[in-house]
Amino acid sequence: MIQLNDGSRLSFGGEEFVFVELTEHMSLSGALRIQAITDSLTTAAIEGVLDICPSNASYMLRVDPDICDPRSLVDPLRDLHRRFEDTSDVVLETEILEVPVLYDDPWSTETVMRFRDRHQSRTETDLEYITRINGFDTTADFVVAHARNPYIVTFMCFVPGNAESMQLVNHDMQLQAPKYIRPRTDTPERALGHGGAFATIYPARGAGGYQLVGRAATPVFDLSQSLPDFAENPVLARAGMLVKYRPIVRDEYDDIRQEVDACSYRYLRRPVSFSLAEFTQDPLLYNRTLLQELNS
């Protein structure tokens, strides 16, 4: 293991992998610093670096050992960590995307009630439980808080299209929820889950442990690439993307599903420059600026 100038720990996985752990805890500022470092690595286009995978508190590189000795990356990484030690001037060139969500949908509710023996509460739905533990009076109040401010994707995780994201708010406003005591063996495709401080949409039906609060009307993964927004990549999100969940009612959900089935649906999305300094100065005001960009 090698310790970098900022205390980050760098280690090698055989001849192909370089793993860098910045901290042992997760934070929005730390995740944004990782985004800045890995974005710069991408721009640098170092010969032999095949994959750059940011996470919430760490990142990993995969190299072609015939082209790039992983040990040769230590000094460039030191330089980047020094460059982004102060992230106040970080600007991410990214995009903001809207995802329509039917909160408190019948499919997620039916599913979660089949697994109450694995849950912290035997009587409440996941939405009722997460509402209570976050101190809201009604589920409607929780939905407003969950959907009011955008999220930033910090980790593209275990299934294609599964993108963990943190809400762009101060720490005292972060919505929190424990995972299930034991994971479910079933989760509806496109269910919106929340675990820890992270929200994510399940790209496919399968097991899961996040609290389910709704269901997206649109996919986040399209292997057939039939929808226009998936023409270049079957995965919708990428690290650093901003996501805004928009609450919808059942009629609009059904209308959007028809557009998806007809392969005519287009996501509302806009390119944006995300300034960490402007966000830090007044997060909620800056979020309103981002949402104005989305709706312009």
Protein backbone atom coordinates (compact mmCIF):
# COMPACT_ATOMS: atom_id res chain seq x y z
CA MET A 1 0.00 0.00 0.00
CA ILE A 2 1.17 3.55 -0.80
CA GLN A 3 -0.03 6.62 1.08
CA LEU A 4 -0.57 9.68 -1.07
CA ASN A 5 0.06 13.27 0.02
CA ASP A 6 -3.49 13.78 1.32
CA GLY A 7 -3.63 10.55 3.30
CA SER A 8 -5.39 8.56 0.58
CA ARG A 9 -4.35 4.92 0.36
CA LEU A 10 -3.29 3.46 -2.98
CA SER A 11 -2.97 -0.27 -3.58
CA PHE A 12 -2.53 -2.58 -6.57
CA GLY A 13 -4.61 -5.53 -7.67
CA GLY A 14 -2.21 -7.70 -9.63
CA GLU A 15 -0.96 -6.06 -12.82
CA GLU A 16 -4.31 -4.62 -13.93
CA PHE A 17 -5.89 -2.63 -11.12
CA VAL A 18 -5.14 0.45 -9.07
CA PHE A 19 -7.43 1.13 -6.11
CA VAL A 20 -7.43 4.45 -4.25
CA GLU A 21 -9.38 4.93 -1.02
CA LEU A 22 -9.75 8.56 -0.01
CA THR A 23 -11.72 8.09 3.22
CA GLU A 24 -13.47 5.41 5.24
CA HIS A 25 -16.70 7.40 5.37
CA MET A 26 -19.01 8.81 2.71
CA SER A 27 -19.75 12.51 2.25
CA LEU A 28 -21.03 14.72 -0.54
CA SER A 29 -17.87 16.84 -0.58
CA GLY A 30 -15.70 13.70 -0.74
CA ALA A 31 -17.78 12.25 -3.56
CA LEU A 32 -17.48 15.49 -5.53
CA ARG A 33 -13.71 15.47 -5.04
CA ILE A 34 -13.57 11.95 -6.46
CA GLN A 35 -15.64 13.12 -9.44
CA ALA A 36 -13.14 15.93 -10.08
CA ILE A 37 -10.14 13.58 -9.90
CA THR A 38 -11.64 10.91 -12.13
CA ASP A 39 -12.98 13.47 -14.63
CA SER A 40 -9.45 14.84 -14.99
CA LEU A 41 -8.12 11.31 -15.43
CA THR A 42 -10.62 10.77 -18.22
CA THR A 43 -9.62 14.02 -19.92
CA ALA A 44 -5.93 13.12 -19.62
CA ALA A 45 -6.55 9.96 -21.70
CA ILE A 46 -3.48 8.17 -20.30
CA GLU A 47 -2.41 5.44 -22.70
CA GLY A 48 -3.19 2.00 -21.35
CA VAL A 49 -5.85 3.11 -18.84
CA LEU A 50 -8.93 1.12 -19.86
CA ASP A 51 -11.52 1.89 -17.18
CA ILE A 52 -11.98 4.59 -14.56
CA CYS A 53 -14.56 3.69 -11.91
CA PRO A 54 -15.44 6.36 -9.29
CA SER A 55 -17.29 5.38 -6.14
CA ASN A 56 -18.56 7.15 -3.03
CA ALA A 57 -15.30 7.17 -1.05
CA SER A 58 -12.82 5.59 -3.50
CA TYR A 59 -12.06 4.95 -7.14
CA MET A 60 -10.44 2.20 -9.19
CA LEU A 61 -8.52 2.10 -12.45
CA ARG A 62 -8.05 -0.85 -14.79
CA VAL A 63 -5.03 -0.80 -17.08
CA ASP A 64 -3.63 -2.86 -19.91
CA PRO A 65 -0.36 -4.11 -18.34
CA ASP A 66 1.21 -4.54 -21.78
CA ILE A 67 0.89 -0.78 -22.30
CA CYS A 68 0.77 0.78 -18.83
CA ASP A 69 2.67 -0.27 -15.71
CA PRO A 70 0.24 0.53 -12.86
CA ARG A 71 3.16 1.77 -10.76
CA SER A 72 3.71 4.55 -13.31
CA LEU A 73 0.38 6.08 -12.26
CA VAL A 74 1.44 6.86 -8.69
CA ASP A 75 3.03 10.24 -9.46
CA PRO A 76 0.22 11.45 -11.79
CA LEU A 77 -2.32 10.49 -9.12
CA ARG A 78 -0.33 12.33 -6.46
CA ASP A 79 -0.43 15.42 -8.65
CA LEU A 80 -4.19 15.16 -9.14
CA HIS A 81 -4.85 14.66 -5.44
CA ARG A 82 -2.73 17.74 -4.72
CA ARG A 83 -4.51 19.72 -7.43
CA PHE A 84 -7.95 18.88 -6.06
CA GLU A 85 -7.09 18.98 -2.36
CA ASP A 86 -9.15 22.18 -2.23
CA THR A 87 -12.29 21.47 -4.24
CA SER A 88 -13.74 24.98 -3.98
CA ASP A 89 -12.85 25.69 -7.60
CA VAL A 90 -14.09 22.37 -9.01
CA VAL A 91 -16.48 22.63 -11.94
CA LEU A 92 -17.99 19.44 -13.37
CA GLU A 93 -19.15 19.47 -16.98
CA THR A 94 -22.16 17.18 -16.80
CA GLU A 95 -25.91 17.15 -17.48
CA ILE A 96 -29.11 17.21 -15.50
CA LEU A 97 -31.85 14.72 -16.30
CA GLU A 98 -35.45 14.38 -15.15
CA VAL A 99 -36.95 11.01 -14.19
CA PRO A 100 -40.76 10.85 -13.73
CA VAL A 101 -41.67 8.78 -10.66
CA LEU A 102 -44.99 7.49 -9.34
CA TYR A 103 -44.37 7.65 -5.59
CA ASP A 104 -46.35 5.25 -3.38
CA ASP A 105 -47.06 3.06 -6.40
CA PRO A 106 -49.13 -0.15 -6.03
CA TRP A 107 -46.46 -2.54 -7.35
CA SER A 108 -43.75 -1.55 -4.87
CA THR A 109 -46.29 -1.51 -2.05
CA GLU A 110 -47.48 -5.02 -2.88
CA THR A 111 -43.89 -6.23 -3.03
CA VAL A 112 -42.68 -4.72 0.23
CA MET A 113 -45.67 -6.04 2.18
CA ARG A 114 -44.62 -9.58 1.22
CA PHE A 115 -41.30 -9.09 3.01
CA ARG A 116 -42.23 -7.55 6.36
CA ASP A 117 -40.46 -10.38 8.19
CA ARG A 118 -37.18 -8.99 6.77
CA HIS A 119 -37.95 -5.37 7.64
CA GLN A 120 -37.54 -3.10 10.66
CA SER A 121 -41.31 -2.49 10.78
CA ARG A 122 -43.86 -5.30 10.52
CA THR A 123 -46.86 -3.04 9.88
CA GLU A 124 -45.75 -0.01 7.87
CA THR A 125 -44.94 0.19 4.18
CA ASP A 126 -41.40 1.23 3.31
CA LEU A 127 -42.65 4.71 2.44
CA GLU A 128 -44.48 5.04 5.76
CA TYR A 129 -41.41 3.79 7.63
CA ILE A 130 -38.94 6.13 5.92
CA THR A 131 -41.36 9.02 6.42
CA ARG A 132 -41.54 8.38 10.17
CA ILE A 133 -37.82 7.88 10.84
CA ASN A 134 -36.98 11.08 8.95
CA GLY A 135 -39.41 13.07 11.09
CA PHE A 136 -42.09 13.93 8.53
CA ASP A 137 -45.76 14.09 9.47
CA THR A 138 -47.09 12.60 6.22
CA THR A 139 -45.80 10.57 3.30
CA ALA A 140 -46.70 13.52 1.06
CA ASP A 141 -44.27 15.69 3.04
CA PHE A 142 -41.54 13.09 2.58
CA VAL A 143 -42.17 12.90 -1.17
CA VAL A 144 -41.84 16.69 -1.44
CA ALA A 145 -38.48 16.55 0.36
CA HIS A 146 -37.29 13.57 -1.68
CA ALA A 147 -38.14 15.13 -5.02
CA ARG A 148 -37.55 18.86 -4.41
CA ASN A 149 -33.76 18.90 -4.90
CA PRO A 150 -31.63 17.10 -7.51
CA TYR A 151 -29.22 14.24 -6.83
CA ILE A 152 -25.72 13.58 -8.14
CA VAL A 153 -24.69 10.10 -9.27
CA THR A 154 -21.68 9.07 -7.20
CA PHE A 155 -21.42 5.34 -7.91
CA MET A 156 -22.37 3.19 -10.88
CA CYS A 157 -22.74 -0.07 -9.04
CA PHE A 158 -23.45 -3.74 -9.28
CA VAL A 159 -26.02 -4.04 -12.09
CA PRO A 160 -25.86 -2.11 -15.39
CA GLY A 161 -27.95 1.02 -14.97
CA ASN A 162 -27.89 0.94 -11.16
CA ALA A 163 -26.69 4.43 -10.19
CA GLU A 164 -26.39 5.39 -6.52
CA SER A 165 -26.91 9.11 -6.02
CA MET A 166 -26.79 11.61 -3.14
CA GLN A 167 -29.17 14.52 -2.84
CA LEU A 168 -27.53 17.93 -3.30
CA VAL A 169 -28.43 19.38 0.08
CA ASN A 170 -26.66 20.22 3.33
CA HIS A 171 -25.80 17.33 5.62
CA ASP A 172 -28.63 18.14 8.05
CA MET A 173 -31.15 17.84 5.20
CA GLN A 174 -29.93 14.48 3.91
CA LEU A 175 -32.69 11.86 3.95
CA GLN A 176 -31.50 8.65 5.62
CA ALA A 177 -32.82 5.09 5.76
CA PRO A 178 -31.34 1.74 6.81
CA LYS A 179 -31.40 -1.16 4.42
CA TYR A 180 -33.66 -4.14 5.13
CA ILE A 181 -32.57 -6.42 7.97
CA ARG A 182 -32.45 -9.19 5.36
CA PRO A 183 -32.67 -8.40 1.63
CA ARG A 184 -35.84 -9.01 -0.35
CA THR A 185 -35.73 -11.69 -3.02
CA ASP A 186 -37.95 -9.58 -5.28
CA THR A 187 -38.00 -5.94 -6.38
CA PRO A 188 -40.04 -4.51 -9.27
CA GLU A 189 -38.14 -3.29 -12.30
CA ARG A 190 -37.74 0.50 -12.14
CA ALA A 191 -38.50 0.69 -8.41
CA LEU A 192 -37.04 3.78 -6.72
CA GLY A 193 -35.18 2.80 -3.57
CA HIS A 194 -33.47 4.71 -0.78
CA GLY A 195 -30.74 3.25 1.44
CA GLY A 196 -28.37 5.15 3.69
CA ALA A 197 -28.22 8.60 2.08
CA PHE A 198 -28.48 7.16 -1.43
CA ALA A 199 -31.33 6.91 -3.92
CA THR A 200 -31.28 4.53 -6.88
CA ILE A 201 -33.62 3.04 -9.47
CA TYR A 202 -33.50 -0.73 -9.84
CA PRO A 203 -32.86 -1.38 -13.56
CA ALA A 204 -34.29 -4.89 -13.52
CA ARG A 205 -36.44 -7.14 -11.37
CA GLY A 206 -34.47 -8.94 -8.70
CA ALA A 207 -33.27 -8.96 -5.11
CA GLY A 208 -32.70 -5.76 -3.14
CA GLY A 209 -32.42 -4.18 0.29
CA TYR A 210 -33.23 -0.49 -0.17
CA GLN A 211 -36.49 0.99 1.12
CA LEU A 212 -38.89 1.29 -1.83
CA VAL A 213 -40.68 4.63 -2.17
CA GLY A 214 -41.95 4.65 -5.76
CA ARG A 215 -41.51 3.46 -9.31
CA ALA A 216 -40.05 5.28 -12.31
CA ALA A 217 -42.17 5.38 -15.45
CA THR A 218 -39.05 5.20 -17.61
CA PRO A 219 -36.16 2.71 -17.79
CA VAL A 220 -32.58 3.39 -16.75
CA PHE A 221 -31.25 0.48 -18.82
CA ASP A 222 -32.25 -0.52 -22.35
CA LEU A 223 -30.23 -3.44 -23.70
CA SER A 224 -32.10 -3.31 -27.02
CA GLN A 225 -31.30 0.42 -27.29
CA SER A 226 -34.76 0.98 -28.75
CA LEU A 227 -35.40 4.31 -27.05
CA PRO A 228 -33.70 7.37 -28.61
CA ASP A 229 -31.87 8.30 -25.39
CA PHE A 230 -30.17 4.90 -25.34
CA ALA A 231 -28.95 4.98 -28.95
CA GLU A 232 -25.30 5.40 -27.96
CA ASN A 233 -25.29 3.57 -24.62
CA PRO A 234 -27.72 1.05 -23.06
CA VAL A 235 -27.08 2.67 -19.65
CA LEU A 236 -28.80 5.97 -18.99
CA ALA A 237 -26.83 7.45 -16.09
CA ARG A 238 -23.12 8.04 -15.61
CA ALA A 239 -21.04 9.17 -12.67
CA GLY A 240 -21.40 12.89 -12.06
CA MET A 241 -24.81 13.17 -13.76
CA LEU A 242 -27.47 15.16 -11.92
CA VAL A 243 -30.89 13.52 -11.56
CA LYS A 244 -34.18 15.19 -10.66
CA TYR A 245 -37.06 12.93 -9.67
CA ARG A 246 -40.41 14.43 -10.72
CA PRO A 247 -43.52 13.14 -8.90
CA ILE A 248 -46.34 12.14 -11.25
CA VAL A 249 -49.85 10.72 -10.88
CA ARG A 250 -51.06 7.36 -12.20
CA ASP A 251 -52.62 8.73 -15.40
CA GLU A 252 -49.35 10.38 -16.44
CA TYR A 253 -47.45 7.24 -15.47
CA ASP A 254 -49.65 5.18 -17.81
CA ASP A 255 -49.27 7.73 -20.62
CA ILE A 256 -45.48 7.68 -20.32
CA ARG A 257 -45.44 3.87 -20.28
CA GLN A 258 -47.30 3.94 -23.62
CA GLU A 259 -44.65 6.28 -25.04
CA VAL A 260 -41.90 3.99 -23.78
CA ASP A 261 -43.59 0.96 -25.36
CA ALA A 262 -43.86 2.89 -28.64
CA CYS A 263 -40.14 3.81 -28.38
CA SER A 264 -41.05 7.51 -28.70
CA TYR A 265 -40.32 8.78 -25.19
CA ARG A 266 -37.57 11.41 -24.80
CA TYR A 267 -36.04 12.32 -21.46
CA LEU A 268 -35.88 15.94 -20.40
CA ARG A 269 -32.13 16.57 -20.08
CA ARG A 270 -29.79 19.54 -20.38
CA PRO A 271 -25.99 20.00 -20.27
CA VAL A 272 -24.87 21.94 -17.17
CA SER A 273 -21.68 23.10 -15.49
CA PHE A 274 -21.80 22.20 -11.81
CA SER A 275 -19.75 24.61 -9.67
CA LEU A 276 -18.91 23.26 -6.24
CA ALA A 277 -18.09 26.77 -4.96
CA GLU A 278 -21.47 28.18 -6.00
CA PHE A 279 -23.26 25.12 -4.64
CA THR A 280 -21.45 25.32 -1.29
CA GLN A 281 -22.23 29.02 -0.92
CA ASP A 282 -26.00 28.45 -1.05
CA PRO A 283 -27.04 24.87 -1.98
CA LEU A 284 -30.79 25.45 -2.25
CA LEU A 285 -30.44 28.63 -4.29
CA TYR A 286 -27.96 26.93 -6.61
CA ASN A 287 -30.30 23.95 -7.02
CA ARG A 288 -33.03 26.32 -8.20
CA THR A 289 -30.60 27.60 -10.82
CA LEU A 290 -29.91 24.04 -11.97
CA LEU A 291 -33.63 23.30 -12.23
CA GLN A 292 -34.17 26.48 -14.24
CA GLU A 293 -31.55 25.15 -16.67
CA LEU A 294 -33.45 21.86 -16.88
CA ASN A 295 -36.73 23.55 -17.67
CA SER A 296 -35.39 26.23 -20.00
